[in-house]
PDB file of all heavy atoms in Angstrom:
ATOM      1  N   GLU A   1      83.333 199.674 181.564  1.00  0.00           N
ATOM      2  CA  GLU A   1      83.917 199.897 182.878  1.00  0.00           C
ATOM      3  C   GLU A   1      85.218 199.109 182.979  1.00  0.00           C
ATOM      4  O   GLU A   1      85.367 198.038 182.386  1.00  0.00           O
ATOM      5  CB  GLU A   1      82.931 199.438 183.959  1.00  0.00           C
ATOM      6  CG  GLU A   1      83.071 200.156 185.277  1.00  0.00           C
ATOM      7  CD  GLU A   1      81.842 199.940 186.158  1.00  0.00           C
ATOM      8  OE1 GLU A   1      81.273 198.830 186.136  1.00  0.00           O
ATOM      9  OE2 GLU A   1      81.454 200.878 186.876  1.00  0.00           O
ATOM     10  N   TYR A   2      86.189 199.637 183.792  1.00  0.00           N
ATOM     11  CA  TYR A   2      87.530 199.055 183.885  1.00  0.00           C
ATOM     12  C   TYR A   2      87.817 198.690 185.344  1.00  0.00           C
ATOM     13  O   TYR A   2      87.529 199.468 186.259  1.00  0.00           O
ATOM     14  CB  TYR A   2      88.570 200.046 183.363  1.00  0.00           C
ATOM     15  CG  TYR A   2      88.297 200.475 181.938  1.00  0.00           C
ATOM     16  CD1 TYR A   2      87.426 201.543 181.668  1.00  0.00           C
ATOM     17  CD2 TYR A   2      88.865 199.809 180.868  1.00  0.00           C
ATOM     18  CE1 TYR A   2      87.145 201.931 180.370  1.00  0.00           C
ATOM     19  CE2 TYR A   2      88.600 200.185 179.555  1.00  0.00           C
ATOM     20  CZ  TYR A   2      87.732 201.246 179.317  1.00  0.00           C
ATOM     21  OH  TYR A   2      87.452 201.623 178.024  1.00  0.00           O
ATOM     22  N   PHE A   3      88.405 197.501 185.543  1.00  0.00           N
ATOM     23  CA  PHE A   3      88.587 196.947 186.884  1.00  0.00           C
ATOM     24  C   PHE A   3      90.058 196.602 187.121  1.00  0.00           C
ATOM     25  O   PHE A   3      90.733 196.067 186.233  1.00  0.00           O
ATOM     26  CB  PHE A   3      87.771 195.666 187.051  1.00  0.00           C
ATOM     27  CG  PHE A   3      86.294 195.829 186.830  1.00  0.00           C
ATOM     28  CD1 PHE A   3      85.759 195.794 185.549  1.00  0.00           C
ATOM     29  CD2 PHE A   3      85.433 196.013 187.900  1.00  0.00           C
ATOM     30  CE1 PHE A   3      84.402 195.937 185.333  1.00  0.00           C
ATOM     31  CE2 PHE A   3      84.072 196.162 187.697  1.00  0.00           C
ATOM     32  CZ  PHE A   3      83.553 196.121 186.411  1.00  0.00           C
ATOM     33  N   PHE A   4      90.515 196.875 188.346  1.00  0.00           N
ATOM     34  CA  PHE A   4      91.851 196.479 188.787  1.00  0.00           C
ATOM     35  C   PHE A   4      91.704 195.898 190.194  1.00  0.00           C
ATOM     36  O   PHE A   4      91.212 196.584 191.099  1.00  0.00           O
ATOM     37  CB  PHE A   4      92.811 197.672 188.784  1.00  0.00           C
ATOM     38  CG  PHE A   4      92.910 198.344 187.442  1.00  0.00           C
ATOM     39  CD1 PHE A   4      92.057 199.400 187.114  1.00  0.00           C
ATOM     40  CD2 PHE A   4      93.823 197.915 186.497  1.00  0.00           C
ATOM     41  CE1 PHE A   4      92.125 200.016 185.878  1.00  0.00           C
ATOM     42  CE2 PHE A   4      93.901 198.522 185.249  1.00  0.00           C
ATOM     43  CZ  PHE A   4      93.052 199.572 184.942  1.00  0.00           C
ATOM     44  N   ASN A   5      92.106 194.645 190.373  1.00  0.00           N
ATOM     45  CA  ASN A   5      91.857 193.939 191.639  1.00  0.00           C
ATOM     46  C   ASN A   5      93.111 193.234 192.122  1.00  0.00           C
ATOM     47  O   ASN A   5      93.859 192.654 191.329  1.00  0.00           O
ATOM     48  CB  ASN A   5      90.752 192.892 191.455  1.00  0.00           C
ATOM     49  CG  ASN A   5      89.555 193.407 190.687  1.00  0.00           C
ATOM     50  OD1 ASN A   5      89.476 193.219 189.481  1.00  0.00           O
ATOM     51  ND2 ASN A   5      88.644 194.056 191.360  1.00  0.00           N
ATOM     52  N   ILE A   6      93.344 193.280 193.431  1.00  0.00           N
ATOM     53  CA  ILE A   6      94.397 192.498 194.067  1.00  0.00           C
ATOM     54  C   ILE A   6      93.843 191.952 195.376  1.00  0.00           C
ATOM     55  O   ILE A   6      92.908 192.513 195.959  1.00  0.00           O
ATOM     56  CB  ILE A   6      95.680 193.319 194.340  1.00  0.00           C
ATOM     57  CG1 ILE A   6      95.346 194.566 195.178  1.00  0.00           C
ATOM     58  CG2 ILE A   6      96.375 193.702 193.048  1.00  0.00           C
ATOM     59  CD1 ILE A   6      96.575 195.366 195.587  1.00  0.00           C
ATOM     60  N   GLY A   7      94.409 190.840 195.841  1.00  0.00           N
ATOM     61  CA  GLY A   7      93.923 190.292 197.098  1.00  0.00           C
ATOM     62  C   GLY A   7      94.637 189.029 197.513  1.00  0.00           C
ATOM     63  O   GLY A   7      95.325 188.381 196.710  1.00  0.00           O
ATOM     64  N   TYR A   8      94.485 188.705 198.779  1.00  0.00           N
ATOM     65  CA  TYR A   8      94.987 187.460 199.358  1.00  0.00           C
ATOM     66  C   TYR A   8      93.800 186.562 199.697  1.00  0.00           C
ATOM     67  O   TYR A   8      92.717 187.037 200.047  1.00  0.00           O
ATOM     68  CB  TYR A   8      95.775 187.735 200.644  1.00  0.00           C
ATOM     69  CG  TYR A   8      97.221 188.096 200.444  1.00  0.00           C
ATOM     70  CD1 TYR A   8      97.590 189.372 200.028  1.00  0.00           C
ATOM     71  CD2 TYR A   8      98.231 187.162 200.667  1.00  0.00           C
ATOM     72  CE1 TYR A   8      98.918 189.719 199.846  1.00  0.00           C
ATOM     73  CE2 TYR A   8      99.571 187.492 200.491  1.00  0.00           C
ATOM     74  CZ  TYR A   8      99.902 188.765 200.081  1.00  0.00           C
ATOM     75  OH  TYR A   8     101.220 189.100 199.896  1.00  0.00           O
ATOM     76  N   GLY A   9      94.023 185.254 199.612  1.00  0.00           N
ATOM     77  CA  GLY A   9      93.041 184.268 200.023  1.00  0.00           C
ATOM     78  C   GLY A   9      93.757 183.063 200.597  1.00  0.00           C
ATOM     79  O   GLY A   9      94.967 183.102 200.844  1.00  0.00           O
ATOM     80  N   TYR A  10      93.017 181.976 200.788  1.00  0.00           N
ATOM     81  CA  TYR A  10      93.651 180.784 201.351  1.00  0.00           C
ATOM     82  C   TYR A  10      92.773 179.569 201.121  1.00  0.00           C
ATOM     83  O   TYR A  10      91.596 179.676 200.780  1.00  0.00           O
ATOM     84  CB  TYR A  10      93.904 180.954 202.851  1.00  0.00           C
ATOM     85  CG  TYR A  10      92.670 180.775 203.716  1.00  0.00           C
ATOM     86  CD1 TYR A  10      92.413 179.555 204.355  1.00  0.00           C
ATOM     87  CD2 TYR A  10      91.754 181.807 203.892  1.00  0.00           C
ATOM     88  CE1 TYR A  10      91.280 179.378 205.138  1.00  0.00           C
ATOM     89  CE2 TYR A  10      90.624 181.650 204.673  1.00  0.00           C
ATOM     90  CZ  TYR A  10      90.384 180.428 205.293  1.00  0.00           C
ATOM     91  OH  TYR A  10      89.268 180.244 206.057  1.00  0.00           O
ATOM     92  N   HIS A  11      93.373 178.390 201.296  1.00  0.00           N
ATOM     93  CA  HIS A  11      92.595 177.168 201.471  1.00  0.00           C
ATOM     94  C   HIS A  11      93.168 176.405 202.648  1.00  0.00           C
ATOM     95  O   HIS A  11      94.378 176.383 202.867  1.00  0.00           O
ATOM     96  CB  HIS A  11      92.567 176.303 200.206  1.00  0.00           C
ATOM     97  CG  HIS A  11      93.852 175.597 199.895  1.00  0.00           C
ATOM     98  ND1 HIS A  11      94.638 175.922 198.833  1.00  0.00           N
ATOM     99  CD2 HIS A  11      94.486 174.565 200.510  1.00  0.00           C
ATOM    100  CE1 HIS A  11      95.705 175.141 198.799  1.00  0.00           C
ATOM    101  NE2 HIS A  11      95.632 174.312 199.805  1.00  0.00           N
ATOM    102  N   SER A  12      92.277 175.806 203.416  1.00  0.00           N
ATOM    103  CA  SER A  12      92.715 175.018 204.567  1.00  0.00           C
ATOM    104  C   SER A  12      93.253 173.680 204.088  1.00  0.00           C
ATOM    105  O   SER A  12      92.932 173.211 202.995  1.00  0.00           O
ATOM    106  CB  SER A  12      91.562 174.811 205.552  1.00  0.00           C
ATOM    107  OG  SER A  12      90.501 174.112 204.926  1.00  0.00           O
ATOM    108  N   ASN A  13      94.092 173.068 204.894  1.00  0.00           N
ATOM    109  CA  ASN A  13      94.622 171.734 204.615  1.00  0.00           C
ATOM    110  C   ASN A  13      93.921 170.701 205.491  1.00  0.00           C
ATOM    111  O   ASN A  13      93.361 171.034 206.547  1.00  0.00           O
ATOM    112  CB  ASN A  13      96.129 171.691 204.852  1.00  0.00           C
ATOM    113  CG  ASN A  13      96.913 172.423 203.776  1.00  0.00           C
ATOM    114  OD1 ASN A  13      96.567 172.352 202.598  1.00  0.00           O
ATOM    115  ND2 ASN A  13      97.950 173.146 204.165  1.00  0.00           N
ATOM    116  N   ASP A  14      93.958 169.456 205.044  1.00  0.00           N
ATOM    117  CA  ASP A  14      93.339 168.362 205.788  1.00  0.00           C
ATOM    118  C   ASP A  14      93.924 168.307 207.202  1.00  0.00           C
ATOM    119  O   ASP A  14      95.143 168.305 207.391  1.00  0.00           O
ATOM    120  CB  ASP A  14      93.590 167.047 205.057  1.00  0.00           C
ATOM    121  CG  ASP A  14      92.734 165.912 205.583  1.00  0.00           C
ATOM    122  OD1 ASP A  14      92.894 165.554 206.774  1.00  0.00           O
ATOM    123  OD2 ASP A  14      91.933 165.365 204.800  1.00  0.00           O
ATOM    124  N   ALA A  15      93.047 168.276 208.206  1.00  0.00           N
ATOM    125  CA  ALA A  15      93.496 168.301 209.594  1.00  0.00           C
ATOM    126  C   ALA A  15      94.421 167.143 209.925  1.00  0.00           C
ATOM    127  O   ALA A  15      95.338 167.285 210.748  1.00  0.00           O
ATOM    128  CB  ALA A  15      92.285 168.300 210.535  1.00  0.00           C
ATOM    129  N   ARG A  16      94.229 165.989 209.289  1.00  0.00           N
ATOM    130  CA  ARG A  16      95.080 164.834 209.577  1.00  0.00           C
ATOM    131  C   ARG A  16      96.530 165.115 209.233  1.00  0.00           C
ATOM    132  O   ARG A  16      97.446 164.662 209.921  1.00  0.00           O
ATOM    133  CB  ARG A  16      94.567 163.607 208.810  1.00  0.00           C
ATOM    134  CG  ARG A  16      93.243 163.070 209.301  1.00  0.00           C
ATOM    135  CD  ARG A  16      92.671 162.019 208.369  1.00  0.00           C
ATOM    136  NE  ARG A  16      92.220 162.590 207.096  1.00  0.00           N
ATOM    137  CZ  ARG A  16      91.642 161.886 206.142  1.00  0.00           C
ATOM    138  NH1 ARG A  16      91.437 160.580 206.294  1.00  0.00           N
ATOM    139  NH2 ARG A  16      91.237 162.480 205.022  1.00  0.00           N
ATOM    140  N   GLY A  17      96.754 165.864 208.143  1.00  0.00           N
ATOM    141  CA  GLY A  17      98.120 166.186 207.757  1.00  0.00           C
ATOM    142  C   GLY A  17      98.791 167.167 208.698  1.00  0.00           C
ATOM    143  O   GLY A  17     100.022 167.202 208.787  1.00  0.00           O
ATOM    144  N   THR A  18      97.999 167.979 209.424  1.00  0.00           N
ATOM    145  CA  THR A  18      98.585 168.988 210.300  1.00  0.00           C
ATOM    146  C   THR A  18      99.149 168.393 211.584  1.00  0.00           C
ATOM    147  O   THR A  18      99.942 169.041 212.267  1.00  0.00           O
ATOM    148  CB  THR A  18      97.546 170.069 210.650  1.00  0.00           C
ATOM    149  OG1 THR A  18      96.509 169.497 211.455  1.00  0.00           O
ATOM    150  CG2 THR A  18      96.941 170.666 209.393  1.00  0.00           C
ATOM    151  N   THR A  19      98.743 167.188 211.937  1.00  0.00           N
ATOM    152  CA  THR A  19      99.267 166.535 213.146  1.00  0.00           C
ATOM    153  C   THR A  19     100.059 165.273 212.827  1.00  0.00           C
ATOM    154  O   THR A  19     100.613 164.641 213.730  1.00  0.00           O
ATOM    155  CB  THR A  19      98.119 166.169 214.107  1.00  0.00           C
ATOM    156  OG1 THR A  19      97.211 165.279 213.446  1.00  0.00           O
ATOM    157  CG2 THR A  19      97.365 167.419 214.555  1.00  0.00           C
ATOM    158  N   LEU A  20     100.119 164.898 211.559  1.00  0.00           N
ATOM    159  CA  LEU A  20     100.774 163.659 211.142  1.00  0.00           C
ATOM    160  C   LEU A  20     102.288 163.744 211.342  1.00  0.00           C
ATOM    161  O   LEU A  20     102.945 164.647 210.828  1.00  0.00           O
ATOM    162  CB  LEU A  20     100.462 163.393 209.666  1.00  0.00           C
ATOM    163  CG  LEU A  20     100.858 162.030 209.101  1.00  0.00           C
ATOM    164  CD1 LEU A  20      99.948 160.941 209.664  1.00  0.00           C
ATOM    165  CD2 LEU A  20     100.770 162.052 207.575  1.00  0.00           C
ATOM    166  N   GLN A  21     102.865 162.769 212.089  1.00  0.00           N
ATOM    167  CA  GLN A  21     104.305 162.710 212.293  1.00  0.00           C
ATOM    168  C   GLN A  21     104.905 161.359 211.903  1.00  0.00           C
ATOM    169  O   GLN A  21     106.092 161.281 211.581  1.00  0.00           O
ATOM    170  CB  GLN A  21     104.655 162.987 213.767  1.00  0.00           C
ATOM    171  CG  GLN A  21     104.235 164.362 214.255  1.00  0.00           C
ATOM    172  CD  GLN A  21     104.695 164.626 215.668  1.00  0.00           C
ATOM    173  OE1 GLN A  21     105.870 164.955 215.899  1.00  0.00           O
ATOM    174  NE2 GLN A  21     103.796 164.467 216.632  1.00  0.00           N
ATOM    175  N   ARG A  22     104.071 160.324 211.905  1.00  0.00           N
ATOM    176  CA  ARG A  22     104.558 158.989 211.566  1.00  0.00           C
ATOM    177  C   ARG A  22     103.655 158.359 210.508  1.00  0.00           C
ATOM    178  O   ARG A  22     102.435 158.543 210.526  1.00  0.00           O
ATOM    179  CB  ARG A  22     104.613 158.114 212.823  1.00  0.00           C
ATOM    180  CG  ARG A  22     105.560 158.667 213.891  1.00  0.00           C
ATOM    181  CD  ARG A  22     105.536 157.839 215.161  1.00  0.00           C
ATOM    182  NE  ARG A  22     106.084 156.489 214.955  1.00  0.00           N
ATOM    183  CZ  ARG A  22     106.247 155.598 215.944  1.00  0.00           C
ATOM    184  NH1 ARG A  22     105.905 155.921 217.204  1.00  0.00           N
ATOM    185  NH2 ARG A  22     106.747 154.409 215.693  1.00  0.00           N
ATOM    186  N   ASP A  23     104.263 157.630 209.586  1.00  0.00           N
ATOM    187  CA  ASP A  23     103.521 156.978 208.515  1.00  0.00           C
ATOM    188  C   ASP A  23     102.537 155.980 209.123  1.00  0.00           C
ATOM    189  O   ASP A  23     102.943 155.079 209.855  1.00  0.00           O
ATOM    190  CB  ASP A  23     104.489 156.260 207.580  1.00  0.00           C
ATOM    191  CG  ASP A  23     103.819 155.777 206.297  1.00  0.00           C
ATOM    192  OD1 ASP A  23     102.689 155.253 206.382  1.00  0.00           O
ATOM    193  OD2 ASP A  23     104.430 155.914 205.229  1.00  0.00           O
ATOM    194  N   PRO A  24     101.235 156.114 208.833  1.00  0.00           N
ATOM    195  CA  PRO A  24     100.257 155.225 209.479  1.00  0.00           C
ATOM    196  C   PRO A  24     100.365 153.770 209.019  1.00  0.00           C
ATOM    197  O   PRO A  24      99.840 152.883 209.687  1.00  0.00           O
ATOM    198  CB  PRO A  24      98.905 155.827 209.073  1.00  0.00           C
ATOM    199  CG  PRO A  24      99.188 156.592 207.829  1.00  0.00           C
ATOM    200  CD  PRO A  24     100.584 157.116 207.976  1.00  0.00           C
ATOM    201  N   THR A  25     101.044 153.524 207.904  1.00  0.00           N
ATOM    202  CA  THR A  25     101.133 152.150 207.397  1.00  0.00           C
ATOM    203  C   THR A  25     102.265 151.351 208.019  1.00  0.00           C
ATOM    204  O   THR A  25     102.197 150.124 208.101  1.00  0.00           O
ATOM    205  CB  THR A  25     101.308 152.143 205.872  1.00  0.00           C
ATOM    206  OG1 THR A  25     102.540 152.791 205.531  1.00  0.00           O
ATOM    207  CG2 THR A  25     100.152 152.864 205.196  1.00  0.00           C
ATOM    208  N   ASN A  26     103.344 152.043 208.464  1.00  0.00           N
ATOM    209  CA  ASN A  26     104.492 151.308 209.022  1.00  0.00           C
ATOM    210  C   ASN A  26     105.081 151.935 210.275  1.00  0.00           C
ATOM    211  O   ASN A  26     106.004 151.369 210.880  1.00  0.00           O
ATOM    212  CB  ASN A  26     105.590 151.152 207.964  1.00  0.00           C
ATOM    213  CG  ASN A  26     106.009 152.482 207.357  1.00  0.00           C
ATOM    214  OD1 ASN A  26     105.990 153.522 208.014  1.00  0.00           O
ATOM    215  ND2 ASN A  26     106.383 152.451 206.079  1.00  0.00           N
ATOM    216  N   GLY A  27     104.606 153.101 210.668  1.00  0.00           N
ATOM    217  CA  GLY A  27     105.090 153.744 211.879  1.00  0.00           C
ATOM    218  C   GLY A  27     106.360 154.538 211.706  1.00  0.00           C
ATOM    219  O   GLY A  27     106.853 155.137 212.680  1.00  0.00           O
ATOM    220  N   ASP A  28     106.944 154.580 210.489  1.00  0.00           N
ATOM    221  CA  ASP A  28     108.179 155.340 210.278  1.00  0.00           C
ATOM    222  C   ASP A  28     107.932 156.828 210.488  1.00  0.00           C
ATOM    223  O   ASP A  28     106.867 157.354 210.149  1.00  0.00           O
ATOM    224  CB  ASP A  28     108.711 155.119 208.863  1.00  0.00           C
ATOM    225  CG  ASP A  28     109.221 153.703 208.645  1.00  0.00           C
ATOM    226  OD1 ASP A  28     109.395 152.976 209.656  1.00  0.00           O
ATOM    227  OD2 ASP A  28     109.432 153.328 207.471  1.00  0.00           O
ATOM    228  N   PHE A  29     108.964 157.506 211.041  1.00  0.00           N
ATOM    229  CA  PHE A  29     108.864 158.953 211.216  1.00  0.00           C
ATOM    230  C   PHE A  29     109.007 159.646 209.864  1.00  0.00           C
ATOM    231  O   PHE A  29     109.851 159.286 209.044  1.00  0.00           O
ATOM    232  CB  PHE A  29     109.937 159.459 212.182  1.00  0.00           C
ATOM    233  CG  PHE A  29     109.630 159.162 213.618  1.00  0.00           C
ATOM    234  CD1 PHE A  29     110.084 157.978 214.203  1.00  0.00           C
ATOM    235  CD2 PHE A  29     108.878 160.038 214.381  1.00  0.00           C
ATOM    236  CE1 PHE A  29     109.796 157.689 215.536  1.00  0.00           C
ATOM    237  CE2 PHE A  29     108.582 159.755 215.711  1.00  0.00           C
ATOM    238  CZ  PHE A  29     109.043 158.573 216.287  1.00  0.00           C
ATOM    239  N   LEU A  30     108.157 160.638 209.622  1.00  0.00           N
ATOM    240  CA  LEU A  30     108.192 161.386 208.372  1.00  0.00           C
ATOM    241  C   LEU A  30     109.233 162.490 208.445  1.00  0.00           C
ATOM    242  O   LEU A  30     109.564 162.981 209.532  1.00  0.00           O
ATOM    243  CB  LEU A  30     106.820 161.993 208.088  1.00  0.00           C
ATOM    244  CG  LEU A  30     105.647 161.008 208.003  1.00  0.00           C
ATOM    245  CD1 LEU A  30     104.332 161.770 207.854  1.00  0.00           C
ATOM    246  CD2 LEU A  30     105.832 160.055 206.835  1.00  0.00           C
ATOM    247  N   ASP A  31     109.754 162.891 207.286  1.00  0.00           N
ATOM    248  CA  ASP A  31     110.723 163.997 207.302  1.00  0.00           C
ATOM    249  C   ASP A  31     109.993 165.314 207.523  1.00  0.00           C
ATOM    250  O   ASP A  31     108.760 165.400 207.471  1.00  0.00           O
ATOM    251  CB  ASP A  31     111.539 164.027 206.005  1.00  0.00           C
ATOM    252  CG  ASP A  31     110.686 164.231 204.768  1.00  0.00           C
ATOM    253  OD1 ASP A  31     109.773 165.068 204.811  1.00  0.00           O
ATOM    254  OD2 ASP A  31     110.933 163.542 203.754  1.00  0.00           O
ATOM    255  N   SER A  32     110.764 166.361 207.743  1.00  0.00           N
ATOM    256  CA  SER A  32     110.193 167.644 208.162  1.00  0.00           C
ATOM    257  C   SER A  32     109.327 168.287 207.087  1.00  0.00           C
ATOM    258  O   SER A  32     108.477 169.133 207.394  1.00  0.00           O
ATOM    259  CB  SER A  32     111.313 168.612 208.556  1.00  0.00           C
ATOM    260  OG  SER A  32     112.199 168.809 207.460  1.00  0.00           O
ATOM    261  N   THR A  33     109.532 167.908 205.822  1.00  0.00           N
ATOM    262  CA  THR A  33     108.747 168.523 204.756  1.00  0.00           C
ATOM    263  C   THR A  33     107.322 168.003 204.683  1.00  0.00           C
ATOM    264  O   THR A  33     106.430 168.683 204.165  1.00  0.00           O
ATOM    265  CB  THR A  33     109.433 168.307 203.395  1.00  0.00           C
ATOM    266  OG1 THR A  33     109.543 166.900 203.149  1.00  0.00           O
ATOM    267  CG2 THR A  33     110.811 168.938 203.368  1.00  0.00           C
ATOM    268  N   SER A  34     107.091 166.796 205.167  1.00  0.00           N
ATOM    269  CA  SER A  34     105.749 166.217 205.064  1.00  0.00           C
ATOM    270  C   SER A  34     105.090 165.997 206.419  1.00  0.00           C
ATOM    271  O   SER A  34     103.921 165.618 206.467  1.00  0.00           O
ATOM    272  CB  SER A  34     105.809 164.885 204.305  1.00  0.00           C
ATOM    273  OG  SER A  34     106.713 163.997 204.920  1.00  0.00           O
ATOM    274  N   ALA A  35     105.807 166.219 207.509  1.00  0.00           N
ATOM    275  CA  ALA A  35     105.221 166.062 208.845  1.00  0.00           C
ATOM    276  C   ALA A  35     104.613 167.381 209.311  1.00  0.00           C
ATOM    277  O   ALA A  35     105.176 168.460 209.072  1.00  0.00           O
ATOM    278  CB  ALA A  35     106.281 165.602 209.833  1.00  0.00           C
ATOM    279  N   ARG A  36     103.457 167.300 209.934  1.00  0.00           N
ATOM    280  CA  ARG A  36     102.803 168.449 210.557  1.00  0.00           C
ATOM    281  C   ARG A  36     102.766 169.655 209.613  1.00  0.00           C
ATOM    282  O   ARG A  36     103.333 170.710 209.885  1.00  0.00           O
ATOM    283  CB  ARG A  36     103.486 168.807 211.874  1.00  0.00           C
ATOM    284  CG  ARG A  36     103.273 167.763 212.959  1.00  0.00           C
ATOM    285  CD  ARG A  36     104.047 168.097 214.221  1.00  0.00           C
ATOM    286  NE  ARG A  36     103.623 169.372 214.812  1.00  0.00           N
ATOM    287  CZ  ARG A  36     102.579 169.535 215.608  1.00  0.00           C
ATOM    288  NH1 ARG A  36     101.810 168.494 215.919  1.00  0.00           N
ATOM    289  NH2 ARG A  36     102.284 170.729 216.113  1.00  0.00           N
ATOM    290  N   ILE A  37     102.087 169.495 208.476  1.00  0.00           N
ATOM    291  CA  ILE A  37     101.982 170.589 207.520  1.00  0.00           C
ATOM    292  C   ILE A  37     101.132 171.711 208.111  1.00  0.00           C
ATOM    293  O   ILE A  37     100.407 171.527 209.091  1.00  0.00           O
ATOM    294  CB  ILE A  37     101.385 170.105 206.191  1.00  0.00           C
ATOM    295  CG1 ILE A  37      99.930 169.643 206.374  1.00  0.00           C
ATOM    296  CG2 ILE A  37     102.235 168.998 205.584  1.00  0.00           C
ATOM    297  CD1 ILE A  37      99.225 169.306 205.088  1.00  0.00           C
TER     298      ILE A  37
END
């Protein structure tokens, strides 16, 4: 038998990273690439 498959999926990210805006160790603001993923 022969199979052909395509599809989309996902993985969730850690909830802490989705709201993170300031470094918890020093309070510095994070840049846009790592804040609120």
